[in-house]
Structure formats: structure tokens, C-alpha cells
């Protein structure tokens, strides 16, 4: 069965001015929430697992889960989200993931390019079809509900990615996807997230010459999402919203059924709560 590659789906998304949803999981409940949403809407989707999430669910185990679904012809792709060392990049390339993010955003521009290029060279020697993403511009690290902007994050002209830097980064590193800092942050700020710089996205897409990824999607308004996609975003990451839905789903389930001890019964509403969030986001990103 010949299924289109992730690269082809991203190219298609760019042409249609839509975006592919990227949703993080750390267990089988999250996995089924994303898969069921993709099946229901008949849309491609990317499952993301950060270093911590991979350590919990297992690198080979999550790859096996995704492979079982791919045999059914479903366009489900696996991305190693925020990976902070070249060794851990090699681990997921060897495991056969579809994509990986080498995250040197906290390092200097030069150091970030060096570790990114090393990752690109390794994947090209193993499997050129795997996509390597890098980010330049620090937007925080944790997917939480926050009282204020994360430590070290400042949304200003100085800290956001500049189009000429993006062009240089892509040219020197050879990456397939680029994640800029354009006012987006990881996590959800209680008082509301900062505004996204739409014009900057447009300029970066033009200068970078590769598809762009918007991280920290939780907390961004629907209207901003639409504008960001129109301006050149092809993949959007959602994590905090799903985690929140999962936790609240479990809490509600246990309150309503305090004597239930079968996990598959009290976890079912939590899976449904996550699936609802995923479906809503996927539909928005696809312009449905």
C-alpha cells in the first residue's frame, strides 16, 4: 500500500493553505484520542512525543503503536518532539520515526546550527525521508497552565525570530522544517497568551524557504490560527489543552463514579475529552 509521506502531506497543506495538527501523547489513551479523531475527520495527523513522554511510553513501543495503524492505511505520523541532544536524535532516527525536532533554542545561534547540522547529516546517512525540524528563538519549555510568561521568555522585537536569521539558519543547517518564535509560547497563560506576529510569519516563510511549524498552540485564538496558517504555518502543535482535558476528564469520572476501579471504564471519559479537543483543532486547522 502506497501511502503519501509526511513531506507530501505538508506540501499539500501548504498548497491548500491549511495546517496539519500535531498532538502530544504520553500513553495509549492519548494515542487513541488522536487516532480516533483522525479516523473520524479523515485527516492526516502527527503524534508527538517529547523526551519525557518517550521515556514514559517507550520509544519502540510508541513506534509499534503507530505502525499498527499505518498498516490500515491511516495517515498517522510520529514525531520526536523537543529533543535536546544529538544522541537522542539518533535514537529516534534509528527507531524509524517520521520526524524529529532538535531543540537548541536555548543555545547560541552557532551552537544551535552545529548540533542541528550534525542531526541532519546523520538522518541523511540513515534515511533522508525523515524530516528534521529545528527552532530558533526561545519560547519556554513546559506545557502547563501558567500564571505568567515562562521564565526566560520575553515577547519582543529582540527575542522574536528575524527573517534573515531564519534564512541563514536553514541554509547552514539543511533542515526540512523550521519553528520560529513569533509571539507563541509553550503553555497557557491564565490572563491570555501574547499576540502572534502574523506579518513576521509571512516574512520568515518567504526567507526560510521551508515549511514552518507553530509551537505552543494551546492558548492561541481561532482567528490567530487562521491568520497564521494563511501567512505560512503548515504544522501546529497542541499539548497543554489535551493534558488539561485528560486531567479534568479523569477527575470528573472519578467524582461521578467513586467506586469504579476498572481503569478502562473510568478513563474512557478522559479519552473522549481529549478526542473532542483534537477533533476541534484538526477541523479548524483544515478549514472545515
C-alpha atoms as a PDB file:
ATOM      1  CA  UNK A   1       0.000   0.000   0.000  1.00  0.00           C
ATOM      2  CA  UNK A   2       1.497   3.326  -1.079  1.00  0.00           C
ATOM      3  CA  UNK A   3       0.689   5.988   1.465  1.00  0.00           C
ATOM      4  CA  UNK A   4       1.818   9.550   0.930  1.00  0.00           C
ATOM      5  CA  UNK A   5       4.812  10.608   3.010  1.00  0.00           C
ATOM      6  CA  UNK A   6       4.659  13.284   5.689  1.00  0.00           C
ATOM      7  CA  UNK A   7       6.683  15.532   3.372  1.00  0.00           C
ATOM      8  CA  UNK A   8       3.989  15.147   0.687  1.00  0.00           C
ATOM      9  CA  UNK A   9       1.166  15.867   3.128  1.00  0.00           C
ATOM     10  CA  UNK A  10       2.941  19.039   4.309  1.00  0.00           C
ATOM     11  CA  UNK A  11       3.424  20.196   0.699  1.00  0.00           C
ATOM     12  CA  UNK A  12      -0.275  19.546   0.060  1.00  0.00           C
ATOM     13  CA  UNK A  13      -1.216  21.505   3.204  1.00  0.00           C
ATOM     14  CA  UNK A  14       0.841  24.467   2.006  1.00  0.00           C
ATOM     15  CA  UNK A  15      -0.836  24.431  -1.382  1.00  0.00           C
ATOM     16  CA  UNK A  16      -4.305  24.288   0.192  1.00  0.00           C
ATOM     17  CA  UNK A  17      -3.448  26.924   2.837  1.00  0.00           C
ATOM     18  CA  UNK A  18      -4.299  24.561   5.674  1.00  0.00           C
ATOM     19  CA  UNK A  19      -2.215  23.076   8.506  1.00  0.00           C
ATOM     20  CA  UNK A  20      -1.643  19.595   9.931  1.00  0.00           C
ATOM     21  CA  UNK A  21      -2.328  19.161  13.633  1.00  0.00           C
ATOM     22  CA  UNK A  22       0.455  17.847  15.894  1.00  0.00           C
ATOM     23  CA  UNK A  23      -0.754  16.437  19.222  1.00  0.00           C
ATOM     24  CA  UNK A  24       1.381  15.140  22.065  1.00  0.00           C
ATOM     25  CA  UNK A  25       0.684  11.900  23.893  1.00  0.00           C
ATOM     26  CA  UNK A  26       2.328  10.006  26.732  1.00  0.00           C
ATOM     27  CA  UNK A  27       0.117   6.917  26.974  1.00  0.00           C
ATOM     28  CA  UNK A  28      -2.267   4.731  24.978  1.00  0.00           C
ATOM     29  CA  UNK A  29      -5.277   6.855  25.996  1.00  0.00           C
ATOM     30  CA  UNK A  30      -3.765   9.867  24.243  1.00  0.00           C
ATOM     31  CA  UNK A  31      -2.840   7.677  21.283  1.00  0.00           C
ATOM     32  CA  UNK A  32      -6.426   6.507  20.754  1.00  0.00           C
ATOM     33  CA  UNK A  33      -7.826  10.006  21.245  1.00  0.00           C
ATOM     34  CA  UNK A  34      -5.664  11.275  18.354  1.00  0.00           C
ATOM     35  CA  UNK A  35      -6.162   8.221  16.127  1.00  0.00           C
ATOM     36  CA  UNK A  36      -9.957   8.228  16.577  1.00  0.00           C
ATOM     37  CA  UNK A  37     -10.116  11.943  15.759  1.00  0.00           C
ATOM     38  CA  UNK A  38      -8.044  11.394  12.609  1.00  0.00           C
ATOM     39  CA  UNK A  39     -10.272   8.484  11.553  1.00  0.00           C
ATOM     40  CA  UNK A  40     -13.470  10.430  12.195  1.00  0.00           C
ATOM     41  CA  UNK A  41     -12.361  13.510  10.229  1.00  0.00           C
ATOM     42  CA  UNK A  42     -10.351  11.577   7.621  1.00  0.00           C
ATOM     43  CA  UNK A  43      -7.354  13.873   8.049  1.00  0.00           C
ATOM     44  CA  UNK A  44      -3.608  13.278   8.383  1.00  0.00           C
ATOM     45  CA  UNK A  45      -2.203  13.881  11.857  1.00  0.00           C
ATOM     46  CA  UNK A  46       1.135  13.946  13.655  1.00  0.00           C
ATOM     47  CA  UNK A  47       1.569  12.313  17.045  1.00  0.00           C
ATOM     48  CA  UNK A  48       4.284  13.998  19.089  1.00  0.00           C
ATOM     49  CA  UNK A  49       6.295  12.535  21.954  1.00  0.00           C
ATOM     50  CA  UNK A  50       8.770  14.712  23.862  1.00  0.00           C
ATOM     51  CA  UNK A  51      11.815  13.221  25.599  1.00  0.00           C
ATOM     52  CA  UNK A  52       9.850  12.831  28.844  1.00  0.00           C
ATOM     53  CA  UNK A  53       6.835  11.374  27.046  1.00  0.00           C
ATOM     54  CA  UNK A  54       9.076   8.941  25.145  1.00  0.00           C
ATOM     55  CA  UNK A  55      10.733   7.841  28.374  1.00  0.00           C
ATOM     56  CA  UNK A  56       7.278   7.085  29.805  1.00  0.00           C
ATOM     57  CA  UNK A  57       5.595   5.330  26.876  1.00  0.00           C
ATOM     58  CA  UNK A  58       8.746   3.811  25.296  1.00  0.00           C
ATOM     59  CA  UNK A  59      10.438   4.748  22.014  1.00  0.00           C
ATOM     60  CA  UNK A  60       9.981   1.361  20.320  1.00  0.00           C
ATOM     61  CA  UNK A  61       6.562   0.876  21.887  1.00  0.00           C
ATOM     62  CA  UNK A  62       5.053   4.106  20.524  1.00  0.00           C
ATOM     63  CA  UNK A  63       6.622   3.394  17.124  1.00  0.00           C
ATOM     64  CA  UNK A  64       4.961  -0.054  17.153  1.00  0.00           C
ATOM     65  CA  UNK A  65       1.591   1.515  18.037  1.00  0.00           C
ATOM     66  CA  UNK A  66       1.818   3.951  15.111  1.00  0.00           C
ATOM     67  CA  UNK A  67       2.988   1.197  12.741  1.00  0.00           C
ATOM     68  CA  UNK A  68      -0.087  -0.922  13.526  1.00  0.00           C
ATOM     69  CA  UNK A  69      -2.318   1.986  12.493  1.00  0.00           C
ATOM     70  CA  UNK A  70      -0.290   2.711   9.356  1.00  0.00           C
ATOM     71  CA  UNK A  71      -0.913  -0.838   8.145  1.00  0.00           C
ATOM     72  CA  UNK A  72      -4.596   0.148   7.991  1.00  0.00           C
ATOM     73  CA  UNK A  73      -3.631   2.914   5.565  1.00  0.00           C
ATOM     74  CA  UNK A  74      -4.252   5.741   8.031  1.00  0.00           C
ATOM     75  CA  UNK A  75      -2.064   8.848   7.613  1.00  0.00           C
ATOM     76  CA  UNK A  76      -0.726   8.929  11.192  1.00  0.00           C
ATOM     77  CA  UNK A  77       2.867  10.148  11.570  1.00  0.00           C
ATOM     78  CA  UNK A  78       5.250  10.066  14.523  1.00  0.00           C
ATOM     79  CA  UNK A  79       7.416  12.980  15.598  1.00  0.00           C
ATOM     80  CA  UNK A  80      10.071  13.076  18.322  1.00  0.00           C
ATOM     81  CA  UNK A  81       9.163  16.424  19.844  1.00  0.00           C
ATOM     82  CA  UNK A  82      11.750  18.654  21.591  1.00  0.00           C
ATOM     83  CA  UNK A  83      14.923  16.584  21.578  1.00  0.00           C
ATOM     84  CA  UNK A  84      17.855  18.254  23.308  1.00  0.00           C
ATOM     85  CA  UNK A  85      20.868  16.160  22.263  1.00  0.00           C
ATOM     86  CA  UNK A  86      22.187  14.641  19.053  1.00  0.00           C
ATOM     87  CA  UNK A  87      22.373  11.219  20.756  1.00  0.00           C
ATOM     88  CA  UNK A  88      18.653  11.235  21.413  1.00  0.00           C
ATOM     89  CA  UNK A  89      18.020  12.391  17.848  1.00  0.00           C
ATOM     90  CA  UNK A  90      19.995   9.371  16.621  1.00  0.00           C
ATOM     91  CA  UNK A  91      17.906   7.103  18.862  1.00  0.00           C
ATOM     92  CA  UNK A  92      14.618   8.057  17.150  1.00  0.00           C
ATOM     93  CA  UNK A  93      16.129   8.109  13.656  1.00  0.00           C
ATOM     94  CA  UNK A  94      17.353   4.552  14.268  1.00  0.00           C
ATOM     95  CA  UNK A  95      13.878   3.636  15.568  1.00  0.00           C
ATOM     96  CA  UNK A  96      12.325   4.891  12.316  1.00  0.00           C
ATOM     97  CA  UNK A  97      10.297   7.921  13.450  1.00  0.00           C
ATOM     98  CA  UNK A  98       8.884  10.109  10.664  1.00  0.00           C
ATOM     99  CA  UNK A  99      10.300  13.339  12.063  1.00  0.00           C
ATOM    100  CA  UNK A 100      12.362  14.767  14.909  1.00  0.00           C
ATOM    101  CA  UNK A 101      12.915  18.204  16.410  1.00  0.00           C
ATOM    102  CA  UNK A 102      16.428  19.017  17.514  1.00  0.00           C
ATOM    103  CA  UNK A 103      15.919  21.782  20.052  1.00  0.00           C
ATOM    104  CA  UNK A 104      18.913  24.046  20.552  1.00  0.00           C
ATOM    105  CA  UNK A 105      16.776  27.149  21.091  1.00  0.00           C
ATOM    106  CA  UNK A 106      18.454  27.927  24.414  1.00  0.00           C
ATOM    107  CA  UNK A 107      21.920  27.687  22.875  1.00  0.00           C
ATOM    108  CA  UNK A 108      23.726  30.317  20.816  1.00  0.00           C
ATOM    109  CA  UNK A 109      22.887  30.675  17.114  1.00  0.00           C
ATOM    110  CA  UNK A 110      26.186  28.980  16.157  1.00  0.00           C
ATOM    111  CA  UNK A 111      25.844  26.090  18.643  1.00  0.00           C
ATOM    112  CA  UNK A 112      22.252  25.526  17.563  1.00  0.00           C
ATOM    113  CA  UNK A 113      23.314  25.270  13.896  1.00  0.00           C
ATOM    114  CA  UNK A 114      26.211  22.886  14.697  1.00  0.00           C
ATOM    115  CA  UNK A 115      24.042  20.360  16.586  1.00  0.00           C
ATOM    116  CA  UNK A 116      21.255  20.717  14.016  1.00  0.00           C
ATOM    117  CA  UNK A 117      23.592  20.086  11.072  1.00  0.00           C
ATOM    118  CA  UNK A 118      25.002  17.024  12.842  1.00  0.00           C
ATOM    119  CA  UNK A 119      21.438  15.698  13.205  1.00  0.00           C
ATOM    120  CA  UNK A 120      20.656  16.419   9.541  1.00  0.00           C
ATOM    121  CA  UNK A 121      23.853  14.677   8.377  1.00  0.00           C
ATOM    122  CA  UNK A 122      23.029  11.609  10.473  1.00  0.00           C
ATOM    123  CA  UNK A 123      19.489  11.269   9.139  1.00  0.00           C
ATOM    124  CA  UNK A 124      20.687  11.769   5.571  1.00  0.00           C
ATOM    125  CA  UNK A 125      23.085   8.861   6.062  1.00  0.00           C
ATOM    126  CA  UNK A 126      20.344   6.660   7.547  1.00  0.00           C
ATOM    127  CA  UNK A 127      17.067   7.706   5.948  1.00  0.00           C
ATOM    128  CA  UNK A 128      16.722  11.007   4.008  1.00  0.00           C
ATOM    129  CA  UNK A 129      12.910  10.707   4.144  1.00  0.00           C
ATOM    130  CA  UNK A 130      12.886  11.525   7.878  1.00  0.00           C
ATOM    131  CA  UNK A 131      12.186  15.218   8.471  1.00  0.00           C
ATOM    132  CA  UNK A 132      14.423  17.264  10.743  1.00  0.00           C
ATOM    133  CA  UNK A 133      12.998  20.341  12.397  1.00  0.00           C
ATOM    134  CA  UNK A 134      14.850  22.952  14.396  1.00  0.00           C
ATOM    135  CA  UNK A 135      13.775  26.057  16.232  1.00  0.00           C
ATOM    136  CA  UNK A 136      15.408  29.380  16.727  1.00  0.00           C
ATOM    137  CA  UNK A 137      14.004  31.732  19.349  1.00  0.00           C
ATOM    138  CA  UNK A 138      13.210  30.617  22.911  1.00  0.00           C
ATOM    139  CA  UNK A 139       9.503  30.178  23.752  1.00  0.00           C
ATOM    140  CA  UNK A 140       9.718  28.233  27.028  1.00  0.00           C
ATOM    141  CA  UNK A 141       9.803  24.506  27.616  1.00  0.00           C
ATOM    142  CA  UNK A 142       6.858  23.204  29.604  1.00  0.00           C
ATOM    143  CA  UNK A 143       3.274  22.530  28.542  1.00  0.00           C
ATOM    144  CA  UNK A 144       1.465  23.814  31.626  1.00  0.00           C
ATOM    145  CA  UNK A 145      -1.170  26.300  32.683  1.00  0.00           C
ATOM    146  CA  UNK A 146       0.889  29.299  33.761  1.00  0.00           C
ATOM    147  CA  UNK A 147       0.239  32.342  35.936  1.00  0.00           C
ATOM    148  CA  UNK A 148       2.594  34.422  33.787  1.00  0.00           C
ATOM    149  CA  UNK A 149       5.052  34.132  30.889  1.00  0.00           C
ATOM    150  CA  UNK A 150       7.581  31.285  31.401  1.00  0.00           C
ATOM    151  CA  UNK A 151      10.964  32.136  32.923  1.00  0.00           C
ATOM    152  CA  UNK A 152      13.376  33.432  30.272  1.00  0.00           C
ATOM    153  CA  UNK A 153      10.613  34.162  27.753  1.00  0.00           C
ATOM    154  CA  UNK A 154      10.055  37.699  26.615  1.00  0.00           C
ATOM    155  CA  UNK A 155       7.931  38.532  23.613  1.00  0.00           C
ATOM    156  CA  UNK A 156       9.658  41.489  21.973  1.00  0.00           C
ATOM    157  CA  UNK A 157      11.357  42.550  18.742  1.00  0.00           C
ATOM    158  CA  UNK A 158      14.697  41.455  20.214  1.00  0.00           C
ATOM    159  CA  UNK A 159      13.634  37.923  21.117  1.00  0.00           C
ATOM    160  CA  UNK A 160      11.430  37.001  18.142  1.00  0.00           C
ATOM    161  CA  UNK A 161      12.998  35.269  15.139  1.00  0.00           C
ATOM    162  CA  UNK A 162      14.129  37.600  12.370  1.00  0.00           C
ATOM    163  CA  UNK A 163      13.602  36.638   8.707  1.00  0.00           C
ATOM    164  CA  UNK A 164      17.291  36.956   7.780  1.00  0.00           C
ATOM    165  CA  UNK A 165      18.298  34.740  10.737  1.00  0.00           C
ATOM    166  CA  UNK A 166      15.768  32.129   9.629  1.00  0.00           C
ATOM    167  CA  UNK A 167      17.213  32.151   6.102  1.00  0.00           C
ATOM    168  CA  UNK A 168      20.765  31.749   7.390  1.00  0.00           C
ATOM    169  CA  UNK A 169      19.767  29.007   9.832  1.00  0.00           C
ATOM    170  CA  UNK A 170      18.015  26.928   7.167  1.00  0.00           C
ATOM    171  CA  UNK A 171      20.796  27.404   4.634  1.00  0.00           C
ATOM    172  CA  UNK A 172      23.596  26.406   7.021  1.00  0.00           C
ATOM    173  CA  UNK A 173      21.813  23.521   8.759  1.00  0.00           C
ATOM    174  CA  UNK A 174      19.914  21.889   5.893  1.00  0.00           C
ATOM    175  CA  UNK A 175      16.705  21.357   7.920  1.00  0.00           C
ATOM    176  CA  UNK A 176      13.351  20.366   6.428  1.00  0.00           C
ATOM    177  CA  UNK A 177      11.105  22.329   8.808  1.00  0.00           C
ATOM    178  CA  UNK A 178      11.628  25.485  10.841  1.00  0.00           C
ATOM    179  CA  UNK A 179       9.957  26.575  14.093  1.00  0.00           C
ATOM    180  CA  UNK A 180      10.207  30.326  14.690  1.00  0.00           C
ATOM    181  CA  UNK A 181       9.451  32.450  17.746  1.00  0.00           C
ATOM    182  CA  UNK A 182       6.683  34.794  16.590  1.00  0.00           C
ATOM    183  CA  UNK A 183       4.937  35.640  19.865  1.00  0.00           C
ATOM    184  CA  UNK A 184       3.992  31.999  20.551  1.00  0.00           C
ATOM    185  CA  UNK A 185       4.872  30.392  23.893  1.00  0.00           C
ATOM    186  CA  UNK A 186       4.690  26.924  25.394  1.00  0.00           C
ATOM    187  CA  UNK A 187       1.851  26.554  27.863  1.00  0.00           C
ATOM    188  CA  UNK A 188      -1.304  28.556  28.506  1.00  0.00           C
ATOM    189  CA  UNK A 189      -1.142  31.840  30.405  1.00  0.00           C
ATOM    190  CA  UNK A 190      -4.165  32.374  32.654  1.00  0.00           C
ATOM    191  CA  UNK A 191      -4.578  36.012  31.681  1.00  0.00           C
ATOM    192  CA  UNK A 192      -4.319  35.176  27.964  1.00  0.00           C
ATOM    193  CA  UNK A 193      -1.380  34.343  25.689  1.00  0.00           C
ATOM    194  CA  UNK A 194       0.587  37.035  23.830  1.00  0.00           C
ATOM    195  CA  UNK A 195      -0.489  38.007  20.312  1.00  0.00           C
ATOM    196  CA  UNK A 196       1.106  36.266  17.321  1.00  0.00           C
ATOM    197  CA  UNK A 197       3.057  38.410  14.841  1.00  0.00           C
ATOM    198  CA  UNK A 198       1.358  37.362  11.598  1.00  0.00           C
ATOM    199  CA  UNK A 199       3.413  39.580   9.291  1.00  0.00           C
ATOM    200  CA  UNK A 200       6.612  38.122  10.760  1.00  0.00           C
ATOM    201  CA  UNK A 201       5.377  34.603   9.902  1.00  0.00           C
ATOM    202  CA  UNK A 202       4.835  35.711   6.296  1.00  0.00           C
ATOM    203  CA  UNK A 203       8.328  37.200   6.052  1.00  0.00           C
ATOM    204  CA  UNK A 204      10.015  34.191   7.706  1.00  0.00           C
ATOM    205  CA  UNK A 205       8.259  31.715   5.417  1.00  0.00           C
ATOM    206  CA  UNK A 206       9.459  33.650   2.416  1.00  0.00           C
ATOM    207  CA  UNK A 207      13.049  33.986   3.619  1.00  0.00           C
ATOM    208  CA  UNK A 208      13.410  30.499   5.172  1.00  0.00           C
ATOM    209  CA  UNK A 209      12.189  28.631   2.107  1.00  0.00           C
ATOM    210  CA  UNK A 210      10.952  25.622   4.127  1.00  0.00           C
ATOM    211  CA  UNK A 211       7.580  24.895   5.784  1.00  0.00           C
ATOM    212  CA  UNK A 212       7.025  26.495   9.186  1.00  0.00           C
ATOM    213  CA  UNK A 213       5.843  24.905  12.432  1.00  0.00           C
ATOM    214  CA  UNK A 214       3.959  26.797  15.134  1.00  0.00           C
ATOM    215  CA  UNK A 215       4.763  25.530  18.618  1.00  0.00           C
ATOM    216  CA  UNK A 216       2.809  26.429  21.740  1.00  0.00           C
ATOM    217  CA  UNK A 217      -0.588  26.315  20.024  1.00  0.00           C
ATOM    218  CA  UNK A 218      -2.597  25.963  23.246  1.00  0.00           C
ATOM    219  CA  UNK A 219      -3.960  29.356  24.240  1.00  0.00           C
ATOM    220  CA  UNK A 220      -3.856  30.890  20.741  1.00  0.00           C
ATOM    221  CA  UNK A 221      -7.207  32.167  19.437  1.00  0.00           C
ATOM    222  CA  UNK A 222      -9.018  30.563  16.490  1.00  0.00           C
ATOM    223  CA  UNK A 223      -8.733  33.762  14.467  1.00  0.00           C
ATOM    224  CA  UNK A 224      -4.969  33.937  15.031  1.00  0.00           C
ATOM    225  CA  UNK A 225      -4.624  30.299  13.970  1.00  0.00           C
ATOM    226  CA  UNK A 226      -6.416  31.033  10.696  1.00  0.00           C
ATOM    227  CA  UNK A 227      -4.236  34.081  10.033  1.00  0.00           C
ATOM    228  CA  UNK A 228      -1.045  32.190  10.927  1.00  0.00           C
ATOM    229  CA  UNK A 229      -1.924  29.349   8.517  1.00  0.00           C
ATOM    230  CA  UNK A 230      -2.725  31.853   5.779  1.00  0.00           C
ATOM    231  CA  UNK A 231       0.664  33.509   6.409  1.00  0.00           C
ATOM    232  CA  UNK A 232       2.650  30.274   6.059  1.00  0.00           C
ATOM    233  CA  UNK A 233       2.273  27.896   9.031  1.00  0.00           C
ATOM    234  CA  UNK A 234       1.930  24.238   7.955  1.00  0.00           C
ATOM    235  CA  UNK A 235       2.023  22.324  11.266  1.00  0.00           C
ATOM    236  CA  UNK A 236       0.566  23.392  14.627  1.00  0.00           C
ATOM    237  CA  UNK A 237       1.486  21.867  17.992  1.00  0.00           C
ATOM    238  CA  UNK A 238      -1.117  21.352  20.718  1.00  0.00           C
ATOM    239  CA  UNK A 239      -0.259  19.779  24.075  1.00  0.00           C
ATOM    240  CA  UNK A 240      -1.383  21.728  27.174  1.00  0.00           C
ATOM    241  CA  UNK A 241      -5.041  21.754  26.074  1.00  0.00           C
ATOM    242  CA  UNK A 242      -5.030  17.957  25.715  1.00  0.00           C
ATOM    243  CA  UNK A 243      -3.334  17.401  29.074  1.00  0.00           C
ATOM    244  CA  UNK A 244      -5.903  19.643  30.730  1.00  0.00           C
ATOM    245  CA  UNK A 245      -8.820  17.813  29.067  1.00  0.00           C
ATOM    246  CA  UNK A 246      -7.367  14.457  30.168  1.00  0.00           C
ATOM    247  CA  UNK A 247      -6.899  15.502  33.783  1.00  0.00           C
ATOM    248  CA  UNK A 248     -10.330  17.120  34.040  1.00  0.00           C
ATOM    249  CA  UNK A 249     -11.918  14.088  32.338  1.00  0.00           C
ATOM    250  CA  UNK A 250     -10.393  11.721  34.923  1.00  0.00           C
ATOM    251  CA  UNK A 251     -11.356  13.974  37.840  1.00  0.00           C
ATOM    252  CA  UNK A 252     -14.962  14.231  36.655  1.00  0.00           C
ATOM    253  CA  UNK A 253     -15.134  10.494  36.002  1.00  0.00           C
ATOM    254  CA  UNK A 254     -13.844   9.588  39.488  1.00  0.00           C
ATOM    255  CA  UNK A 255     -16.186  12.052  41.206  1.00  0.00           C
ATOM    256  CA  UNK A 256     -19.180  10.674  39.301  1.00  0.00           C
ATOM    257  CA  UNK A 257     -18.138   7.009  39.787  1.00  0.00           C
ATOM    258  CA  UNK A 258     -16.190   6.905  43.080  1.00  0.00           C
ATOM    259  CA  UNK A 259     -16.494   3.108  43.429  1.00  0.00           C
ATOM    260  CA  UNK A 260     -15.274   2.286  39.895  1.00  0.00           C
ATOM    261  CA  UNK A 261     -11.883   0.556  39.889  1.00  0.00           C
ATOM    262  CA  UNK A 262     -11.671  -0.671  36.261  1.00  0.00           C
ATOM    263  CA  UNK A 263      -9.254   1.748  34.538  1.00  0.00           C
ATOM    264  CA  UNK A 264     -10.749   1.226  31.081  1.00  0.00           C
ATOM    265  CA  UNK A 265     -14.096   2.381  32.468  1.00  0.00           C
ATOM    266  CA  UNK A 266     -13.057   5.472  34.418  1.00  0.00           C
ATOM    267  CA  UNK A 267     -10.512   6.504  31.769  1.00  0.00           C
ATOM    268  CA  UNK A 268     -12.974   6.335  28.874  1.00  0.00           C
ATOM    269  CA  UNK A 269     -14.457   9.828  29.502  1.00  0.00           C
ATOM    270  CA  UNK A 270     -10.905  11.227  29.680  1.00  0.00           C
ATOM    271  CA  UNK A 271     -10.083   9.739  26.259  1.00  0.00           C
ATOM    272  CA  UNK A 272     -13.303  11.240  24.889  1.00  0.00           C
ATOM    273  CA  UNK A 273     -12.453  14.640  26.384  1.00  0.00           C
ATOM    274  CA  UNK A 274      -9.046  14.580  24.662  1.00  0.00           C
ATOM    275  CA  UNK A 275     -10.568  13.405  21.389  1.00  0.00           C
ATOM    276  CA  UNK A 276     -13.031  16.311  21.450  1.00  0.00           C
ATOM    277  CA  UNK A 277     -10.156  18.812  21.765  1.00  0.00           C
ATOM    278  CA  UNK A 278      -8.168  17.107  18.987  1.00  0.00           C
ATOM    279  CA  UNK A 279     -11.157  16.984  16.617  1.00  0.00           C
ATOM    280  CA  UNK A 280     -11.961  20.653  17.176  1.00  0.00           C
ATOM    281  CA  UNK A 281      -8.360  21.699  16.487  1.00  0.00           C
ATOM    282  CA  UNK A 282      -7.900  19.421  13.468  1.00  0.00           C
ATOM    283  CA  UNK A 283     -11.119  20.724  11.899  1.00  0.00           C
ATOM    284  CA  UNK A 284     -10.068  24.348  12.458  1.00  0.00           C
ATOM    285  CA  UNK A 285      -6.576  23.800  11.009  1.00  0.00           C
ATOM    286  CA  UNK A 286      -8.031  22.021   7.963  1.00  0.00           C
ATOM    287  CA  UNK A 287     -10.551  24.806   7.340  1.00  0.00           C
ATOM    288  CA  UNK A 288     -13.552  22.510   7.898  1.00  0.00           C
END
